[in-house]
Amino acid sequence: MAYGKSDAKSTSTAGLEEVLILLREDLIGELQAINQYQAHIDRIENEEIRELLEHIRDDEKEHVAEITHAISRIDAIQREKFAHDHTAGAEKVAVETDESTILTVGSMFGK
């Protein structure tokens, strides 16, 4: 498996549908990583390690944003869906910034 830039002659070019599949698989991985880091953060008492894992978790959240933006540039239907907020009470959620109301893995399990 290649981990850096590969020689163009040795790889085939993926079509847009294949690229979308790959990006969505990457998105799944990023979301799973966020959940895993959060679960670890909720269990670790060492502040230095918690802060490190929080930083890494936040990097994963940035990756989610980057991948979803890439998907929306390629997939017109997905772009249209992202353009509209389909959640109930979206105005209320956007205004609230009180961290005590933000769900985390730990808060969902009473930690």
PDB file of N, CA and C in Angstrom:
ATOM      1  N   MET A   1       0.845  -1.170   0.000  1.00  0.00           N
ATOM      2  CA  MET A   1       0.000   0.000   0.000  1.00  0.00           C
ATOM      3  C   MET A   1       0.890   1.233   0.000  1.00  0.00           C
ATOM      4  N   ALA A   2       0.557   2.174  -0.833  1.00  0.00           N
ATOM      5  CA  ALA A   2       1.325   3.412  -0.929  1.00  0.00           C
ATOM      6  C   ALA A   2       0.843   4.392   0.133  1.00  0.00           C
ATOM      7  N   TYR A   3       1.771   5.102   0.752  1.00  0.00           N
ATOM      8  CA  TYR A   3       1.419   6.071   1.777  1.00  0.00           C
ATOM      9  C   TYR A   3       1.733   7.493   1.366  1.00  0.00           C
ATOM     10  N   GLY A   4       2.375   7.663   0.252  1.00  0.00           N
ATOM     11  CA  GLY A   4       2.704   8.994  -0.236  1.00  0.00           C
ATOM     12  C   GLY A   4       2.159   9.163  -1.630  1.00  0.00           C
ATOM     13  N   LYS A   5       2.720  10.105  -2.344  1.00  0.00           N
ATOM     14  CA  LYS A   5       2.314  10.296  -3.733  1.00  0.00           C
ATOM     15  C   LYS A   5       2.785   9.103  -4.538  1.00  0.00           C
ATOM     16  N   SER A   6       1.889   8.608  -5.372  1.00  0.00           N
ATOM     17  CA  SER A   6       2.246   7.430  -6.146  1.00  0.00           C
ATOM     18  C   SER A   6       2.535   7.811  -7.588  1.00  0.00           C
ATOM     19  N   ASP A   7       3.200   6.941  -8.254  1.00  0.00           N
ATOM     20  CA  ASP A   7       3.507   7.129  -9.660  1.00  0.00           C
ATOM     21  C   ASP A   7       2.215   6.978 -10.458  1.00  0.00           C
ATOM     22  N   ALA A   8       1.863   7.969 -11.247  1.00  0.00           N
ATOM     23  CA  ALA A   8       0.602   7.963 -11.995  1.00  0.00           C
ATOM     24  C   ALA A   8       0.500   6.787 -12.949  1.00  0.00           C
ATOM     25  N   LYS A   9       1.612   6.289 -13.426  1.00  0.00           N
ATOM     26  CA  LYS A   9       1.595   5.180 -14.367  1.00  0.00           C
ATOM     27  C   LYS A   9       1.157   3.878 -13.709  1.00  0.00           C
ATOM     28  N   SER A  10       1.381   3.753 -12.407  1.00  0.00           N
ATOM     29  CA  SER A  10       1.091   2.492 -11.739  1.00  0.00           C
ATOM     30  C   SER A  10      -0.298   2.433 -11.120  1.00  0.00           C
ATOM     31  N   THR A  11      -1.053   3.510 -11.176  1.00  0.00           N
ATOM     32  CA  THR A  11      -2.389   3.514 -10.592  1.00  0.00           C
ATOM     33  C   THR A  11      -3.421   3.904 -11.639  1.00  0.00           C
ATOM     34  N   SER A  12      -4.642   3.390 -11.449  1.00  0.00           N
ATOM     35  CA  SER A  12      -5.717   3.777 -12.353  1.00  0.00           C
ATOM     36  C   SER A  12      -6.413   5.002 -11.781  1.00  0.00           C
ATOM     37  N   THR A  13      -6.999   5.781 -12.648  1.00  0.00           N
ATOM     38  CA  THR A  13      -7.709   6.969 -12.226  1.00  0.00           C
ATOM     39  C   THR A  13      -9.132   6.577 -11.854  1.00  0.00           C
ATOM     40  N   ALA A  14      -9.552   6.953 -10.650  1.00  0.00           N
ATOM     41  CA  ALA A  14     -10.888   6.639 -10.181  1.00  0.00           C
ATOM     42  C   ALA A  14     -11.881   7.617 -10.785  1.00  0.00           C
ATOM     43  N   GLY A  15     -13.036   7.092 -11.194  1.00  0.00           N
ATOM     44  CA  GLY A  15     -14.112   7.944 -11.667  1.00  0.00           C
ATOM     45  C   GLY A  15     -14.770   8.643 -10.494  1.00  0.00           C
ATOM     46  N   LEU A  16     -15.611   9.618 -10.792  1.00  0.00           N
ATOM     47  CA  LEU A  16     -16.244  10.403  -9.729  1.00  0.00           C
ATOM     48  C   LEU A  16     -17.084   9.554  -8.783  1.00  0.00           C
ATOM     49  N   GLU A  17     -17.800   8.556  -9.308  1.00  0.00           N
ATOM     50  CA  GLU A  17     -18.604   7.695  -8.434  1.00  0.00           C
ATOM     51  C   GLU A  17     -17.713   6.922  -7.477  1.00  0.00           C
ATOM     52  N   GLU A  18     -16.579   6.437  -7.973  1.00  0.00           N
ATOM     53  CA  GLU A  18     -15.648   5.717  -7.113  1.00  0.00           C
ATOM     54  C   GLU A  18     -15.031   6.666  -6.087  1.00  0.00           C
ATOM     55  N   VAL A  19     -14.726   7.882  -6.500  1.00  0.00           N
ATOM     56  CA  VAL A  19     -14.180   8.879  -5.574  1.00  0.00           C
ATOM     57  C   VAL A  19     -15.187   9.158  -4.460  1.00  0.00           C
ATOM     58  N   LEU A  20     -16.467   9.284  -4.803  1.00  0.00           N
ATOM     59  CA  LEU A  20     -17.490   9.511  -3.785  1.00  0.00           C
ATOM     60  C   LEU A  20     -17.562   8.358  -2.793  1.00  0.00           C
ATOM     61  N   ILE A  21     -17.470   7.141  -3.292  1.00  0.00           N
ATOM     62  CA  ILE A  21     -17.480   5.972  -2.411  1.00  0.00           C
ATOM     63  C   ILE A  21     -16.281   6.023  -1.469  1.00  0.00           C
ATOM     64  N   LEU A  22     -15.113   6.325  -2.013  1.00  0.00           N
ATOM     65  CA  LEU A  22     -13.907   6.397  -1.190  1.00  0.00           C
ATOM     66  C   LEU A  22     -14.020   7.501  -0.144  1.00  0.00           C
ATOM     67  N   LEU A  23     -14.516   8.667  -0.544  1.00  0.00           N
ATOM     68  CA  LEU A  23     -14.667   9.778   0.401  1.00  0.00           C
ATOM     69  C   LEU A  23     -15.654   9.433   1.513  1.00  0.00           C
ATOM     70  N   ARG A  24     -16.744   8.764   1.146  1.00  0.00           N
ATOM     71  CA  ARG A  24     -17.725   8.385   2.169  1.00  0.00           C
ATOM     72  C   ARG A  24     -17.151   7.348   3.124  1.00  0.00           C
ATOM     73  N   GLU A  25     -16.341   6.439   2.614  1.00  0.00           N
ATOM     74  CA  GLU A  25     -15.668   5.478   3.492  1.00  0.00           C
ATOM     75  C   GLU A  25     -14.697   6.208   4.419  1.00  0.00           C
ATOM     76  N   ASP A  26     -13.985   7.200   3.886  1.00  0.00           N
ATOM     77  CA  ASP A  26     -13.085   8.001   4.713  1.00  0.00           C
ATOM     78  C   ASP A  26     -13.871   8.760   5.784  1.00  0.00           C
ATOM     79  N   LEU A  27     -15.022   9.275   5.410  1.00  0.00           N
ATOM     80  CA  LEU A  27     -15.867  10.000   6.357  1.00  0.00           C
ATOM     81  C   LEU A  27     -16.289   9.087   7.507  1.00  0.00           C
ATOM     82  N   ILE A  28     -16.663   7.868   7.180  1.00  0.00           N
ATOM     83  CA  ILE A  28     -17.021   6.894   8.225  1.00  0.00           C
ATOM     84  C   ILE A  28     -15.852   6.705   9.188  1.00  0.00           C
ATOM     85  N   GLY A  29     -14.658   6.555   8.647  1.00  0.00           N
ATOM     86  CA  GLY A  29     -13.478   6.370   9.483  1.00  0.00           C
ATOM     87  C   GLY A  29     -13.218   7.555  10.395  1.00  0.00           C
ATOM     88  N   GLU A  30     -13.387   8.753   9.868  1.00  0.00           N
ATOM     89  CA  GLU A  30     -13.171   9.957  10.672  1.00  0.00           C
ATOM     90  C   GLU A  30     -14.200  10.043  11.804  1.00  0.00           C
ATOM     91  N   LEU A  31     -15.458   9.741  11.504  1.00  0.00           N
ATOM     92  CA  LEU A  31     -16.501   9.786  12.524  1.00  0.00           C
ATOM     93  C   LEU A  31     -16.255   8.731  13.602  1.00  0.00           C
ATOM     94  N   GLN A  32     -15.824   7.546  13.184  1.00  0.00           N
ATOM     95  CA  GLN A  32     -15.502   6.509  14.165  1.00  0.00           C
ATOM     96  C   GLN A  32     -14.323   6.935  15.032  1.00  0.00           C
ATOM     97  N   ALA A  33     -13.349   7.591  14.439  1.00  0.00           N
ATOM     98  CA  ALA A  33     -12.190   8.071  15.200  1.00  0.00           C
ATOM     99  C   ALA A  33     -12.616   9.107  16.234  1.00  0.00           C
ATOM    100  N   ILE A  34     -13.506  10.013  15.851  1.00  0.00           N
ATOM    101  CA  ILE A  34     -14.010  11.021  16.799  1.00  0.00           C
ATOM    102  C   ILE A  34     -14.655  10.325  17.992  1.00  0.00           C
ATOM    103  N   ASN A  35     -15.510   9.349  17.717  1.00  0.00           N
ATOM    104  CA  ASN A  35     -16.184   8.633  18.799  1.00  0.00           C
ATOM    105  C   ASN A  35     -15.191   7.895  19.691  1.00  0.00           C
ATOM    106  N   GLN A  36     -14.186   7.287  19.088  1.00  0.00           N
ATOM    107  CA  GLN A  36     -13.185   6.548  19.857  1.00  0.00           C
ATOM    108  C   GLN A  36     -12.379   7.492  20.745  1.00  0.00           C
ATOM    109  N   TYR A  37     -11.913   8.601  20.171  1.00  0.00           N
ATOM    110  CA  TYR A  37     -11.161   9.561  20.975  1.00  0.00           C
ATOM    111  C   TYR A  37     -12.018  10.103  22.116  1.00  0.00           C
ATOM    112  N   GLN A  38     -13.279  10.420  21.833  1.00  0.00           N
ATOM    113  CA  GLN A  38     -14.150  10.960  22.877  1.00  0.00           C
ATOM    114  C   GLN A  38     -14.359   9.940  23.985  1.00  0.00           C
ATOM    115  N   ALA A  39     -14.535   8.689  23.634  1.00  0.00           N
ATOM    116  CA  ALA A  39     -14.700   7.643  24.646  1.00  0.00           C
ATOM    117  C   ALA A  39     -13.455   7.554  25.530  1.00  0.00           C
ATOM    118  N   HIS A  40     -12.286   7.680  24.933  1.00  0.00           N
ATOM    119  CA  HIS A  40     -11.047   7.638  25.705  1.00  0.00           C
ATOM    120  C   HIS A  40     -10.911   8.880  26.585  1.00  0.00           C
ATOM    121  N   ILE A  41     -11.253  10.036  26.034  1.00  0.00           N
ATOM    122  CA  ILE A  41     -11.197  11.287  26.789  1.00  0.00           C
ATOM    123  C   ILE A  41     -12.071  11.186  28.034  1.00  0.00           C
ATOM    124  N   ASP A  42     -13.238  10.602  27.866  1.00  0.00           N
ATOM    125  CA  ASP A  42     -14.181  10.490  28.981  1.00  0.00           C
ATOM    126  C   ASP A  42     -13.689   9.543  30.079  1.00  0.00           C
ATOM    127  N   ARG A  43     -12.738   8.677  29.763  1.00  0.00           N
ATOM    128  CA  ARG A  43     -12.250   7.696  30.741  1.00  0.00           C
ATOM    129  C   ARG A  43     -10.905   8.061  31.353  1.00  0.00           C
ATOM    130  N   ILE A  44     -10.167   8.968  30.747  1.00  0.00           N
ATOM    131  CA  ILE A  44      -8.811   9.282  31.192  1.00  0.00           C
ATOM    132  C   ILE A  44      -8.834  10.486  32.123  1.00  0.00           C
ATOM    133  N   GLU A  45      -8.185  10.340  33.264  1.00  0.00           N
ATOM    134  CA  GLU A  45      -8.141  11.425  34.236  1.00  0.00           C
ATOM    135  C   GLU A  45      -6.923  12.320  34.064  1.00  0.00           C
ATOM    136  N   ASN A  46      -5.859  11.831  33.460  1.00  0.00           N
ATOM    137  CA  ASN A  46      -4.632  12.607  33.272  1.00  0.00           C
ATOM    138  C   ASN A  46      -4.906  13.776  32.336  1.00  0.00           C
ATOM    139  N   GLU A  47      -4.796  14.997  32.867  1.00  0.00           N
ATOM    140  CA  GLU A  47      -5.165  16.205  32.111  1.00  0.00           C
ATOM    141  C   GLU A  47      -4.326  16.380  30.848  1.00  0.00           C
ATOM    142  N   GLU A  48      -3.027  16.106  30.928  1.00  0.00           N
ATOM    143  CA  GLU A  48      -2.152  16.270  29.765  1.00  0.00           C
ATOM    144  C   GLU A  48      -2.576  15.343  28.624  1.00  0.00           C
ATOM    145  N   ILE A  49      -2.870  14.104  28.954  1.00  0.00           N
ATOM    146  CA  ILE A  49      -3.287  13.136  27.936  1.00  0.00           C
ATOM    147  C   ILE A  49      -4.668  13.499  27.402  1.00  0.00           C
ATOM    148  N   ARG A  50      -5.555  13.924  28.289  1.00  0.00           N
ATOM    149  CA  ARG A  50      -6.889  14.347  27.841  1.00  0.00           C
ATOM    150  C   ARG A  50      -6.797  15.488  26.838  1.00  0.00           C
ATOM    151  N   GLU A  51      -5.958  16.488  27.158  1.00  0.00           N
ATOM    152  CA  GLU A  51      -5.802  17.637  26.261  1.00  0.00           C
ATOM    153  C   GLU A  51      -5.231  17.203  24.912  1.00  0.00           C
ATOM    154  N   LEU A  52      -4.286  16.276  24.930  1.00  0.00           N
ATOM    155  CA  LEU A  52      -3.729  15.757  23.678  1.00  0.00           C
ATOM    156  C   LEU A  52      -4.811  15.079  22.855  1.00  0.00           C
ATOM    157  N   LEU A  53      -5.584  14.210  23.490  1.00  0.00           N
ATOM    158  CA  LEU A  53      -6.642  13.498  22.772  1.00  0.00           C
ATOM    159  C   LEU A  53      -7.743  14.445  22.300  1.00  0.00           C
ATOM    160  N   GLU A  54      -8.042  15.475  23.072  1.00  0.00           N
ATOM    161  CA  GLU A  54      -9.029  16.471  22.645  1.00  0.00           C
ATOM    162  C   GLU A  54      -8.545  17.192  21.397  1.00  0.00           C
ATOM    163  N   HIS A  55      -7.253  17.515  21.364  1.00  0.00           N
ATOM    164  CA  HIS A  55      -6.672  18.160  20.184  1.00  0.00           C
ATOM    165  C   HIS A  55      -6.782  17.242  18.962  1.00  0.00           C
ATOM    166  N   ILE A  56      -6.436  15.989  19.137  1.00  0.00           N
ATOM    167  CA  ILE A  56      -6.518  15.032  18.024  1.00  0.00           C
ATOM    168  C   ILE A  56      -7.968  14.846  17.582  1.00  0.00           C
ATOM    169  N   ARG A  57      -8.894  14.738  18.551  1.00  0.00           N
ATOM    170  CA  ARG A  57     -10.320  14.619  18.227  1.00  0.00           C
ATOM    171  C   ARG A  57     -10.787  15.810  17.400  1.00  0.00           C
ATOM    172  N   ASP A  58     -10.359  17.005  17.795  1.00  0.00           N
ATOM    173  CA  ASP A  58     -10.765  18.207  17.066  1.00  0.00           C
ATOM    174  C   ASP A  58     -10.181  18.230  15.655  1.00  0.00           C
ATOM    175  N   ASP A  59      -8.965  17.679  15.485  1.00  0.00           N
ATOM    176  CA  ASP A  59      -8.400  17.532  14.137  1.00  0.00           C
ATOM    177  C   ASP A  59      -9.276  16.615  13.296  1.00  0.00           C
ATOM    178  N   GLU A  60      -9.766  15.536  13.900  1.00  0.00           N
ATOM    179  CA  GLU A  60     -10.648  14.606  13.180  1.00  0.00           C
ATOM    180  C   GLU A  60     -11.941  15.311  12.770  1.00  0.00           C
ATOM    181  N   LYS A  61     -12.448  16.182  13.621  1.00  0.00           N
ATOM    182  CA  LYS A  61     -13.652  16.946  13.278  1.00  0.00           C
ATOM    183  C   LYS A  61     -13.392  17.855  12.084  1.00  0.00           C
ATOM    184  N   GLU A  62     -12.185  18.418  12.029  1.00  0.00           N
ATOM    185  CA  GLU A  62     -11.826  19.237  10.868  1.00  0.00           C
ATOM    186  C   GLU A  62     -11.795  18.374   9.608  1.00  0.00           C
ATOM    187  N   HIS A  63     -11.281  17.155   9.735  1.00  0.00           N
ATOM    188  CA  HIS A  63     -11.253  16.244   8.582  1.00  0.00           C
ATOM    189  C   HIS A  63     -12.669  15.937   8.096  1.00  0.00           C
ATOM    190  N   VAL A  64     -13.605  15.766   9.038  1.00  0.00           N
ATOM    191  CA  VAL A  64     -15.005  15.530   8.661  1.00  0.00           C
ATOM    192  C   VAL A  64     -15.517  16.702   7.827  1.00  0.00           C
ATOM    193  N   ALA A  65     -15.231  17.903   8.269  1.00  0.00           N
ATOM    194  CA  ALA A  65     -15.681  19.093   7.538  1.00  0.00           C
ATOM    195  C   ALA A  65     -15.051  19.136   6.149  1.00  0.00           C
ATOM    196  N   GLU A  66     -13.753  18.859   6.073  1.00  0.00           N
ATOM    197  CA  GLU A  66     -13.064  18.889   4.780  1.00  0.00           C
ATOM    198  C   GLU A  66     -13.623  17.847   3.816  1.00  0.00           C
ATOM    199  N   ILE A  67     -13.865  16.648   4.328  1.00  0.00           N
ATOM    200  CA  ILE A  67     -14.389  15.585   3.464  1.00  0.00           C
ATOM    201  C   ILE A  67     -15.811  15.900   3.018  1.00  0.00           C
ATOM    202  N   THR A  68     -16.650  16.403   3.943  1.00  0.00           N
ATOM    203  CA  THR A  68     -18.021  16.717   3.537  1.00  0.00           C
ATOM    204  C   THR A  68     -18.052  17.847   2.520  1.00  0.00           C
ATOM    205  N   HIS A  69     -17.136  18.807   2.634  1.00  0.00           N
ATOM    206  CA  HIS A  69     -17.067  19.860   1.621  1.00  0.00           C
ATOM    207  C   HIS A  69     -16.649  19.277   0.273  1.00  0.00           C
ATOM    208  N   ALA A  70     -15.709  18.359   0.277  1.00  0.00           N
ATOM    209  CA  ALA A  70     -15.276  17.729  -0.980  1.00  0.00           C
ATOM    210  C   ALA A  70     -16.424  16.947  -1.599  1.00  0.00           C
ATOM    211  N   ILE A  71     -17.158  16.206  -0.772  1.00  0.00           N
ATOM    212  CA  ILE A  71     -18.307  15.449  -1.276  1.00  0.00           C
ATOM    213  C   ILE A  71     -19.327  16.396  -1.891  1.00  0.00           C
ATOM    214  N   SER A  72     -19.596  17.510  -1.220  1.00  0.00           N
ATOM    215  CA  SER A  72     -20.611  18.440  -1.738  1.00  0.00           C
ATOM    216  C   SER A  72     -20.180  19.089  -3.052  1.00  0.00           C
ATOM    217  N   ARG A  73     -18.877  19.227  -3.273  1.00  0.00           N
ATOM    218  CA  ARG A  73     -18.417  19.778  -4.556  1.00  0.00           C
ATOM    219  C   ARG A  73     -18.612  18.786  -5.693  1.00  0.00           C
ATOM    220  N   ILE A  74     -18.562  17.498  -5.389  1.00  0.00           N
ATOM    221  CA  ILE A  74     -18.664  16.471  -6.430  1.00  0.00           C
ATOM    222  C   ILE A  74     -20.101  16.023  -6.658  1.00  0.00           C
ATOM    223  N   ASP A  75     -20.884  15.918  -5.583  1.00  0.00           N
ATOM    224  CA  ASP A  75     -22.232  15.347  -5.637  1.00  0.00           C
ATOM    225  C   ASP A  75     -23.269  16.466  -5.521  1.00  0.00           C
ATOM    226  N   ALA A  76     -23.935  16.782  -6.633  1.00  0.00           N
ATOM    227  CA  ALA A  76     -24.902  17.890  -6.660  1.00  0.00           C
ATOM    228  C   ALA A  76     -26.082  17.641  -5.732  1.00  0.00           C
ATOM    229  N   ILE A  77     -26.548  16.415  -5.629  1.00  0.00           N
ATOM    230  CA  ILE A  77     -27.675  16.117  -4.740  1.00  0.00           C
ATOM    231  C   ILE A  77     -27.252  16.322  -3.289  1.00  0.00           C
ATOM    232  N   GLN A  78     -26.069  15.844  -2.932  1.00  0.00           N
ATOM    233  CA  GLN A  78     -25.580  16.028  -1.570  1.00  0.00           C
ATOM    234  C   GLN A  78     -25.401  17.509  -1.269  1.00  0.00           C
ATOM    235  N   ARG A  79     -24.879  18.263  -2.237  1.00  0.00           N
ATOM    236  CA  ARG A  79     -24.707  19.711  -2.068  1.00  0.00           C
ATOM    237  C   ARG A  79     -26.048  20.366  -1.767  1.00  0.00           C
ATOM    238  N   GLU A  80     -27.078  19.966  -2.480  1.00  0.00           N
ATOM    239  CA  GLU A  80     -28.417  20.512  -2.262  1.00  0.00           C
ATOM    240  C   GLU A  80     -28.917  20.165  -0.860  1.00  0.00           C
ATOM    241  N   LYS A  81     -28.668  18.940  -0.422  1.00  0.00           N
ATOM    242  CA  LYS A  81     -29.106  18.521   0.913  1.00  0.00           C
ATOM    243  C   LYS A  81     -28.359  19.284   2.003  1.00  0.00           C
ATOM    244  N   PHE A  82     -27.060  19.539   1.799  1.00  0.00           N
ATOM    245  CA  PHE A  82     -26.288  20.311   2.775  1.00  0.00           C
ATOM    246  C   PHE A  82     -26.774  21.760   2.832  1.00  0.00           C
ATOM    247  N   ALA A  83     -27.314  22.264   1.751  1.00  0.00           N
ATOM    248  CA  ALA A  83     -27.743  23.665   1.692  1.00  0.00           C
ATOM    249  C   ALA A  83     -28.974  23.929   2.558  1.00  0.00           C
ATOM    250  N   HIS A  84     -29.721  22.891   2.857  1.00  0.00           N
ATOM    251  CA  HIS A  84     -30.937  23.042   3.657  1.00  0.00           C
ATOM    252  C   HIS A  84     -30.770  22.327   4.984  1.00  0.00           C
ATOM    253  N   ASP A  85     -31.105  23.011   6.073  1.00  0.00           N
ATOM    254  CA  ASP A  85     -31.038  22.403   7.396  1.00  0.00           C
ATOM    255  C   ASP A  85     -32.330  21.631   7.622  1.00  0.00           C
ATOM    256  N   HIS A  86     -32.211  20.331   7.691  1.00  0.00           N
ATOM    257  CA  HIS A  86     -33.372  19.460   7.818  1.00  0.00           C
ATOM    258  C   HIS A  86     -33.634  19.048   9.263  1.00  0.00           C
ATOM    259  N   THR A  87     -32.931  19.639  10.211  1.00  0.00           N
ATOM    260  CA  THR A  87     -33.099  19.252  11.606  1.00  0.00           C
ATOM    261  C   THR A  87     -34.206  20.062  12.250  1.00  0.00           C
ATOM    262  N   ALA A  88     -34.870  19.460  13.216  1.00  0.00           N
ATOM    263  CA  ALA A  88     -35.938  20.149  13.931  1.00  0.00           C
ATOM    264  C   ALA A  88     -35.321  21.170  14.873  1.00  0.00           C
ATOM    265  N   GLY A  89     -35.854  22.366  14.880  1.00  0.00           N
ATOM    266  CA  GLY A  89     -35.387  23.399  15.791  1.00  0.00           C
ATOM    267  C   GLY A  89     -33.977  23.863  15.501  1.00  0.00           C
ATOM    268  N   ALA A  90     -33.592  23.917  14.256  1.00  0.00           N
ATOM    269  CA  ALA A  90     -32.224  24.280  13.888  1.00  0.00           C
ATOM    270  C   ALA A  90     -31.845  25.660  14.393  1.00  0.00           C
ATOM    271  N   GLU A  91     -32.813  26.588  14.437  1.00  0.00           N
ATOM    272  CA  GLU A  91     -32.521  27.939  14.894  1.00  0.00           C
ATOM    273  C   GLU A  91     -32.079  27.916  16.358  1.00  0.00           C
ATOM    274  N   LYS A  92     -32.734  27.119  17.174  1.00  0.00           N
ATOM    275  CA  LYS A  92     -32.403  27.022  18.586  1.00  0.00           C
ATOM    276  C   LYS A  92     -31.011  26.424  18.770  1.00  0.00           C
ATOM    277  N   VAL A  93     -30.689  25.374  18.030  1.00  0.00           N
ATOM    278  CA  VAL A  93     -29.391  24.716  18.150  1.00  0.00           C
ATOM    279  C   VAL A  93     -28.275  25.663  17.747  1.00  0.00           C
ATOM    280  N   ALA A  94     -28.481  26.440  16.690  1.00  0.00           N
ATOM    281  CA  ALA A  94     -27.445  27.343  16.198  1.00  0.00           C
ATOM    282  C   ALA A  94     -27.151  28.456  17.195  1.00  0.00           C
ATOM    283  N   VAL A  95     -28.137  28.863  17.985  1.00  0.00           N
ATOM    284  CA  VAL A  95     -27.965  29.958  18.919  1.00  0.00           C
ATOM    285  C   VAL A  95     -27.336  29.495  20.223  1.00  0.00           C
ATOM    286  N   GLU A  96     -27.649  28.286  20.669  1.00  0.00           N
ATOM    287  CA  GLU A  96     -27.139  27.783  21.941  1.00  0.00           C
ATOM    288  C   GLU A  96     -25.638  27.555  21.878  1.00  0.00           C
ATOM    289  N   THR A  97     -24.953  28.066  22.889  1.00  0.00           N
ATOM    290  CA  THR A  97     -23.513  27.824  22.978  1.00  0.00           C
ATOM    291  C   THR A  97     -23.138  27.304  24.348  1.00  0.00           C
ATOM    292  N   ASP A  98     -24.120  27.074  25.214  1.00  0.00           N
ATOM    293  CA  ASP A  98     -23.867  26.556  26.550  1.00  0.00           C
ATOM    294  C   ASP A  98     -23.352  25.128  26.426  1.00  0.00           C
ATOM    295  N   GLU A  99     -22.080  24.922  26.829  1.00  0.00           N
ATOM    296  CA  GLU A  99     -21.457  23.611  26.666  1.00  0.00           C
ATOM    297  C   GLU A  99     -22.139  22.532  27.489  1.00  0.00           C
ATOM    298  N   SER A 100     -22.884  22.899  28.523  1.00  0.00           N
ATOM    299  CA  SER A 100     -23.563  21.891  29.328  1.00  0.00           C
ATOM    300  C   SER A 100     -24.690  21.220  28.558  1.00  0.00           C
ATOM    301  N   THR A 101     -25.131  21.826  27.452  1.00  0.00           N
ATOM    302  CA  THR A 101     -26.211  21.245  26.659  1.00  0.00           C
ATOM    303  C   THR A 101     -25.693  20.429  25.483  1.00  0.00           C
ATOM    304  N   ILE A 102     -24.370  20.441  25.275  1.00  0.00           N
ATOM    305  CA  ILE A 102     -23.796  19.704  24.160  1.00  0.00           C
ATOM    306  C   ILE A 102     -23.597  18.260  24.576  1.00  0.00           C
ATOM    307  N   LEU A 103     -24.148  17.331  23.788  1.00  0.00           N
ATOM    308  CA  LEU A 103     -24.025  15.914  24.101  1.00  0.00           C
ATOM    309  C   LEU A 103     -22.646  15.412  23.746  1.00  0.00           C
ATOM    310  N   THR A 104     -22.082  14.632  24.644  1.00  0.00           N
ATOM    311  CA  THR A 104     -20.855  13.902  24.371  1.00  0.00           C
ATOM    312  C   THR A 104     -21.124  12.449  24.694  1.00  0.00           C
ATOM    313  N   VAL A 105     -20.211  11.594  24.303  1.00  0.00           N
ATOM    314  CA  VAL A 105     -20.356  10.184  24.631  1.00  0.00           C
ATOM    315  C   VAL A 105     -20.484  10.031  26.142  1.00  0.00           C
ATOM    316  N   GLY A 106     -19.643  10.741  26.879  1.00  0.00           N
ATOM    317  CA  GLY A 106     -19.681  10.654  28.335  1.00  0.00           C
ATOM    318  C   GLY A 106     -20.992  11.135  28.924  1.00  0.00           C
ATOM    319  N   SER A 107     -21.503  12.265  28.442  1.00  0.00           N
ATOM    320  CA  SER A 107     -22.743  12.785  29.003  1.00  0.00           C
ATOM    321  C   SER A 107     -23.929  11.879  28.695  1.00  0.00           C
ATOM    322  N   MET A 108     -23.851  11.174  27.578  1.00  0.00           N
ATOM    323  CA  MET A 108     -24.935  10.263  27.219  1.00  0.00           C
ATOM    324  C   MET A 108     -24.953   9.036  28.142  1.00  0.00           C
ATOM    325  N   PHE A 109     -23.812   8.736  28.750  1.00  0.00           N
ATOM    326  CA  PHE A 109     -23.718   7.595  29.645  1.00  0.00           C
ATOM    327  C   PHE A 109     -23.558   8.031  31.095  1.00  0.00           C
ATOM    328  N   GLY A 110     -23.903   9.298  31.389  1.00  0.00           N
ATOM    329  CA  GLY A 110     -23.893   9.793  32.741  1.00  0.00           C
ATOM    330  C   GLY A 110     -22.523  10.043  33.332  1.00  0.00           C
ATOM    331  N   LYS A 111     -21.530  10.296  32.478  1.00  0.00           N
ATOM    332  CA  LYS A 111     -20.172  10.559  32.970  1.00  0.00           C
ATOM    333  C   LYS A 111     -19.813  12.009  32.757  1.00  0.00           C
TER     334      LYS A 111
END
